[in-house]
Amino acid sequence: MLLPIRNIGRASSAPVEPLPPKHRLLDACRGLPVEHGPDAHFVLRCACRLAELHEQRMATEPGTVTEIDHDRARLVHDIDRWVARELPTAHGGARMHTETVGTVIDRLAQFSAQAYSTLLGAPEWMVHDAWRRLSELAVAYEDLATEVSTGVCRLPDFSGHHEYERGPRELEH
């Protein structure tokens, strides 16, 4: 059963557990220690796994990434469900963001993996470009996290049945 992306039931204006700040999210994307157990932040664990999947994807032959992309889509969906459960619902007049928190974190994980890979001998302009993109998206994530946590920004609802919710083997039948 899928939960709606926006939580209709949460009336509190303060999140139970806020979205992590950008520096902790970037640390998680680099595989730096993320707490485990009951105190572990769900979003940080997902971000760490997304970065691992992007690193695997970069090392995989094109056309063989279906399972990796399926795992990424599930993690994005899980992050979006967490946001819907834990953060306050925005008022009806709040502006609509174009992406969900999960998709932004997936891109942060992708840009992080790409930026670190440029350190292995890419031309200077490519290194600079990769790190600039990562930095700009990290700032945009922090703005989005603040706006969503305070209820001044709504998120699109991409819940529902999608083909990626079925495993790659299920799609063949």
C-alpha atoms as a PDB file:
ATOM      1  CA  MET A   1       0.000   0.000   0.000  1.00  0.00           C
ATOM      2  CA  LEU A   2       1.316   3.425  -0.931  1.00  0.00           C
ATOM      3  CA  LEU A   3       0.970   6.371   1.374  1.00  0.00           C
ATOM      4  CA  PRO A   4       0.178   9.774  -0.114  1.00  0.00           C
ATOM      5  CA  ILE A   5       3.174  12.036  -0.511  1.00  0.00           C
ATOM      6  CA  ARG A   6       1.536  14.913   1.385  1.00  0.00           C
ATOM      7  CA  ASN A   7       0.371  14.176   4.894  1.00  0.00           C
ATOM      8  CA  ILE A   8      -3.161  15.394   5.476  1.00  0.00           C
ATOM      9  CA  GLY A   9      -3.238  14.410   9.123  1.00  0.00           C
ATOM     10  CA  ARG A  10      -0.284  16.233  10.673  1.00  0.00           C
ATOM     11  CA  ALA A  11      -1.516  19.434  12.264  1.00  0.00           C
ATOM     12  CA  SER A  12       1.646  20.399  14.135  1.00  0.00           C
ATOM     13  CA  SER A  13       3.722  23.187  12.632  1.00  0.00           C
ATOM     14  CA  ALA A  14       6.945  21.654  13.989  1.00  0.00           C
ATOM     15  CA  PRO A  15       8.358  18.477  12.465  1.00  0.00           C
ATOM     16  CA  VAL A  16       8.901  15.489  14.715  1.00  0.00           C
ATOM     17  CA  GLU A  17      12.337  15.051  13.173  1.00  0.00           C
ATOM     18  CA  PRO A  18      13.524  17.786  10.789  1.00  0.00           C
ATOM     19  CA  LEU A  19      15.197  17.133   7.496  1.00  0.00           C
ATOM     20  CA  PRO A  20      18.959  16.916   7.988  1.00  0.00           C
ATOM     21  CA  PRO A  21      21.080  19.988   7.189  1.00  0.00           C
ATOM     22  CA  LYS A  22      23.017  19.992   3.927  1.00  0.00           C
ATOM     23  CA  HIS A  23      26.405  19.281   5.544  1.00  0.00           C
ATOM     24  CA  ARG A  24      25.116  16.060   7.139  1.00  0.00           C
ATOM     25  CA  LEU A  25      23.413  15.052   3.893  1.00  0.00           C
ATOM     26  CA  LEU A  26      26.628  15.614   1.915  1.00  0.00           C
ATOM     27  CA  ASP A  27      28.577  13.606   4.514  1.00  0.00           C
ATOM     28  CA  ALA A  28      26.099  10.753   4.085  1.00  0.00           C
ATOM     29  CA  CYS A  29      26.516  10.927   0.304  1.00  0.00           C
ATOM     30  CA  ARG A  30      30.257  10.442   0.820  1.00  0.00           C
ATOM     31  CA  GLY A  31      29.715   7.402   2.994  1.00  0.00           C
ATOM     32  CA  LEU A  32      30.928   9.142   6.134  1.00  0.00           C
ATOM     33  CA  PRO A  33      29.551   7.588   9.308  1.00  0.00           C
ATOM     34  CA  VAL A  34      25.784   7.683   9.572  1.00  0.00           C
ATOM     35  CA  GLU A  35      24.246   6.597  12.853  1.00  0.00           C
ATOM     36  CA  HIS A  36      22.508   3.243  12.808  1.00  0.00           C
ATOM     37  CA  GLY A  37      19.849   1.893  15.093  1.00  0.00           C
ATOM     38  CA  PRO A  38      16.903   3.736  16.624  1.00  0.00           C
ATOM     39  CA  ASP A  39      18.674   7.133  16.536  1.00  0.00           C
ATOM     40  CA  ALA A  40      19.637   6.934  12.870  1.00  0.00           C
ATOM     41  CA  HIS A  41      18.042   9.549  10.632  1.00  0.00           C
ATOM     42  CA  PHE A  42      16.066   7.749   7.946  1.00  0.00           C
ATOM     43  CA  VAL A  43      16.831  10.326   5.240  1.00  0.00           C
ATOM     44  CA  LEU A  44      20.606  10.140   5.861  1.00  0.00           C
ATOM     45  CA  ARG A  45      20.588   6.352   5.535  1.00  0.00           C
ATOM     46  CA  CYS A  46      18.669   6.649   2.254  1.00  0.00           C
ATOM     47  CA  ALA A  47      21.049   9.357   0.944  1.00  0.00           C
ATOM     48  CA  CYS A  48      24.060   7.173   1.725  1.00  0.00           C
ATOM     49  CA  ARG A  49      22.523   4.246  -0.155  1.00  0.00           C
ATOM     50  CA  LEU A  50      21.532   6.476  -3.096  1.00  0.00           C
ATOM     51  CA  ALA A  51      25.145   7.658  -3.435  1.00  0.00           C
ATOM     52  CA  GLU A  52      26.352   4.044  -3.398  1.00  0.00           C
ATOM     53  CA  LEU A  53      23.862   3.219  -6.154  1.00  0.00           C
ATOM     54  CA  HIS A  54      25.020   6.181  -8.259  1.00  0.00           C
ATOM     55  CA  GLU A  55      28.633   5.057  -7.871  1.00  0.00           C
ATOM     56  CA  GLN A  56      27.606   1.550  -8.983  1.00  0.00           C
ATOM     57  CA  ARG A  57      25.659   3.032 -11.878  1.00  0.00           C
ATOM     58  CA  MET A  58      28.707   5.000 -13.069  1.00  0.00           C
ATOM     59  CA  ALA A  59      30.771   1.784 -13.082  1.00  0.00           C
ATOM     60  CA  THR A  60      28.103  -0.317 -14.823  1.00  0.00           C
ATOM     61  CA  GLU A  61      27.716  -0.898 -18.542  1.00  0.00           C
ATOM     62  CA  PRO A  62      24.911   1.138 -20.137  1.00  0.00           C
ATOM     63  CA  GLY A  63      21.758  -0.909 -20.517  1.00  0.00           C
ATOM     64  CA  THR A  64      22.385  -2.935 -17.366  1.00  0.00           C
ATOM     65  CA  VAL A  65      21.263  -0.387 -14.797  1.00  0.00           C
ATOM     66  CA  THR A  66      17.594  -1.377 -14.536  1.00  0.00           C
ATOM     67  CA  GLU A  67      17.922  -2.938 -11.105  1.00  0.00           C
ATOM     68  CA  ILE A  68      20.018  -0.019  -9.792  1.00  0.00           C
ATOM     69  CA  ASP A  69      17.440   2.478 -11.064  1.00  0.00           C
ATOM     70  CA  HIS A  70      14.654   0.409  -9.533  1.00  0.00           C
ATOM     71  CA  ASP A  71      16.415   0.554  -6.143  1.00  0.00           C
ATOM     72  CA  ARG A  72      16.940   4.306  -6.507  1.00  0.00           C
ATOM     73  CA  ALA A  73      13.263   4.860  -7.324  1.00  0.00           C
ATOM     74  CA  ARG A  74      12.231   2.912  -4.235  1.00  0.00           C
ATOM     75  CA  LEU A  75      14.539   4.982  -2.008  1.00  0.00           C
ATOM     76  CA  VAL A  76      13.210   8.238  -3.496  1.00  0.00           C
ATOM     77  CA  HIS A  77       9.677   7.016  -2.843  1.00  0.00           C
ATOM     78  CA  ASP A  78      10.599   6.018   0.733  1.00  0.00           C
ATOM     79  CA  ILE A  79      12.070   9.472   1.415  1.00  0.00           C
ATOM     80  CA  ASP A  80       8.932  11.125   0.052  1.00  0.00           C
ATOM     81  CA  ARG A  81       6.729   8.944   2.260  1.00  0.00           C
ATOM     82  CA  TRP A  82       8.870   9.887   5.281  1.00  0.00           C
ATOM     83  CA  VAL A  83       8.470  13.585   4.440  1.00  0.00           C
ATOM     84  CA  ALA A  84       4.694  13.134   4.164  1.00  0.00           C
ATOM     85  CA  ARG A  85       4.522  11.442   7.569  1.00  0.00           C
ATOM     86  CA  GLU A  86       6.960  13.610   9.525  1.00  0.00           C
ATOM     87  CA  LEU A  87       6.692  17.169   8.244  1.00  0.00           C
ATOM     88  CA  PRO A  88       3.790  19.586   8.554  1.00  0.00           C
ATOM     89  CA  THR A  89       1.308  19.954   5.742  1.00  0.00           C
ATOM     90  CA  ALA A  90       1.699  23.232   3.878  1.00  0.00           C
ATOM     91  CA  HIS A  91      -1.250  25.585   3.699  1.00  0.00           C
ATOM     92  CA  GLY A  92      -3.235  25.527   0.459  1.00  0.00           C
ATOM     93  CA  GLY A  93      -1.869  28.851  -0.776  1.00  0.00           C
ATOM     94  CA  ALA A  94       1.772  27.815  -0.392  1.00  0.00           C
ATOM     95  CA  ARG A  95       3.790  27.765  -3.578  1.00  0.00           C
ATOM     96  CA  MET A  96       4.298  24.385  -5.238  1.00  0.00           C
ATOM     97  CA  HIS A  97       7.856  23.110  -5.686  1.00  0.00           C
ATOM     98  CA  THR A  98       8.622  21.292  -8.924  1.00  0.00           C
ATOM     99  CA  GLU A  99      10.314  18.285  -7.321  1.00  0.00           C
ATOM    100  CA  THR A 100       9.920  16.111  -4.271  1.00  0.00           C
ATOM    101  CA  VAL A 101      12.526  16.022  -1.505  1.00  0.00           C
ATOM    102  CA  GLY A 102      13.393  12.474  -2.563  1.00  0.00           C
ATOM    103  CA  THR A 103      14.221  13.483  -6.139  1.00  0.00           C
ATOM    104  CA  VAL A 104      16.382  16.379  -4.935  1.00  0.00           C
ATOM    105  CA  ILE A 105      18.294  14.059  -2.586  1.00  0.00           C
ATOM    106  CA  ASP A 106      18.729  11.528  -5.405  1.00  0.00           C
ATOM    107  CA  ARG A 107      20.281  14.246  -7.565  1.00  0.00           C
ATOM    108  CA  LEU A 108      22.495  15.364  -4.662  1.00  0.00           C
ATOM    109  CA  ALA A 109      23.731  11.779  -4.371  1.00  0.00           C
ATOM    110  CA  GLN A 110      24.335  11.670  -8.133  1.00  0.00           C
ATOM    111  CA  PHE A 111      26.201  14.999  -8.205  1.00  0.00           C
ATOM    112  CA  SER A 112      28.244  13.951  -5.171  1.00  0.00           C
ATOM    113  CA  ALA A 113      29.335  10.704  -6.827  1.00  0.00           C
ATOM    114  CA  GLN A 114      30.190  12.580 -10.024  1.00  0.00           C
ATOM    115  CA  ALA A 115      32.112  15.335  -8.208  1.00  0.00           C
ATOM    116  CA  TYR A 116      34.273  12.871  -6.299  1.00  0.00           C
ATOM    117  CA  SER A 117      34.937  10.859  -9.451  1.00  0.00           C
ATOM    118  CA  THR A 118      36.377  13.981 -11.149  1.00  0.00           C
ATOM    119  CA  LEU A 119      39.135  14.071  -8.529  1.00  0.00           C
ATOM    120  CA  LEU A 120      40.636  10.980 -10.161  1.00  0.00           C
ATOM    121  CA  GLY A 121      42.161  12.915 -13.050  1.00  0.00           C
ATOM    122  CA  ALA A 122      39.486  14.921 -14.858  1.00  0.00           C
ATOM    123  CA  PRO A 123      40.443  18.271 -16.416  1.00  0.00           C
ATOM    124  CA  GLU A 124      40.322  21.226 -14.030  1.00  0.00           C
ATOM    125  CA  TRP A 125      37.278  22.776 -15.719  1.00  0.00           C
ATOM    126  CA  MET A 126      35.340  19.516 -15.274  1.00  0.00           C
ATOM    127  CA  VAL A 127      36.288  19.294 -11.586  1.00  0.00           C
ATOM    128  CA  HIS A 128      35.199  22.904 -11.045  1.00  0.00           C
ATOM    129  CA  ASP A 129      31.904  22.383 -12.894  1.00  0.00           C
ATOM    130  CA  ALA A 130      31.037  19.201 -10.970  1.00  0.00           C
ATOM    131  CA  TRP A 131      31.734  20.781  -7.581  1.00  0.00           C
ATOM    132  CA  ARG A 132      29.837  23.980  -8.493  1.00  0.00           C
ATOM    133  CA  ARG A 133      26.757  21.930  -9.457  1.00  0.00           C
ATOM    134  CA  LEU A 134      26.944  19.975  -6.202  1.00  0.00           C
ATOM    135  CA  SER A 135      27.355  23.151  -4.141  1.00  0.00           C
ATOM    136  CA  GLU A 136      24.444  24.931  -5.823  1.00  0.00           C
ATOM    137  CA  LEU A 137      22.127  21.950  -5.415  1.00  0.00           C
ATOM    138  CA  ALA A 138      23.133  21.587  -1.744  1.00  0.00           C
ATOM    139  CA  VAL A 139      22.104  25.210  -1.127  1.00  0.00           C
ATOM    140  CA  ALA A 140      18.835  24.629  -3.009  1.00  0.00           C
ATOM    141  CA  TYR A 141      18.185  21.505  -0.898  1.00  0.00           C
ATOM    142  CA  GLU A 142      18.689  23.477   2.313  1.00  0.00           C
ATOM    143  CA  ASP A 143      16.255  26.167   1.108  1.00  0.00           C
ATOM    144  CA  LEU A 144      13.711  23.482   0.184  1.00  0.00           C
ATOM    145  CA  ALA A 145      14.164  21.712   3.535  1.00  0.00           C
ATOM    146  CA  THR A 146      13.507  24.969   5.399  1.00  0.00           C
ATOM    147  CA  GLU A 147      10.468  25.842   3.295  1.00  0.00           C
ATOM    148  CA  VAL A 148       8.940  22.370   3.576  1.00  0.00           C
ATOM    149  CA  SER A 149       9.654  22.127   7.313  1.00  0.00           C
ATOM    150  CA  THR A 150       7.942  25.453   7.964  1.00  0.00           C
ATOM    151  CA  GLY A 151       4.974  24.694   5.708  1.00  0.00           C
ATOM    152  CA  VAL A 152       5.536  27.535   3.227  1.00  0.00           C
ATOM    153  CA  CYS A 153       6.148  25.207   0.280  1.00  0.00           C
ATOM    154  CA  ARG A 154       4.012  22.349  -1.037  1.00  0.00           C
ATOM    155  CA  LEU A 155       5.440  19.307  -2.754  1.00  0.00           C
ATOM    156  CA  PRO A 156       4.031  17.532  -5.789  1.00  0.00           C
ATOM    157  CA  ASP A 157       2.259  14.246  -5.129  1.00  0.00           C
ATOM    158  CA  PHE A 158       3.867  11.632  -7.342  1.00  0.00           C
ATOM    159  CA  SER A 159       2.348   8.729  -5.430  1.00  0.00           C
ATOM    160  CA  GLY A 160       0.279   6.100  -7.159  1.00  0.00           C
ATOM    161  CA  HIS A 161       1.091   3.087  -9.269  1.00  0.00           C
ATOM    162  CA  HIS A 162       4.275   3.355 -11.306  1.00  0.00           C
ATOM    163  CA  GLU A 163       6.031   0.670 -13.310  1.00  0.00           C
ATOM    164  CA  TYR A 164       9.209   1.092 -11.229  1.00  0.00           C
ATOM    165  CA  GLU A 165       7.330  -0.153  -8.180  1.00  0.00           C
ATOM    166  CA  ARG A 166       7.504  -3.588  -9.722  1.00  0.00           C
ATOM    167  CA  GLY A 167      10.841  -5.352  -9.861  1.00  0.00           C
ATOM    168  CA  PRO A 168      12.718  -5.674 -13.176  1.00  0.00           C
ATOM    169  CA  ARG A 169      11.871  -9.364 -13.371  1.00  0.00           C
ATOM    170  CA  GLU A 170       8.166  -8.645 -12.851  1.00  0.00           C
ATOM    171  CA  LEU A 171       8.143  -6.267 -15.827  1.00  0.00           C
ATOM    172  CA  GLU A 172       9.213  -9.073 -18.160  1.00  0.00           C
ATOM    173  CA  HIS A 173       5.983 -11.025 -17.528  1.00  0.00           C
END
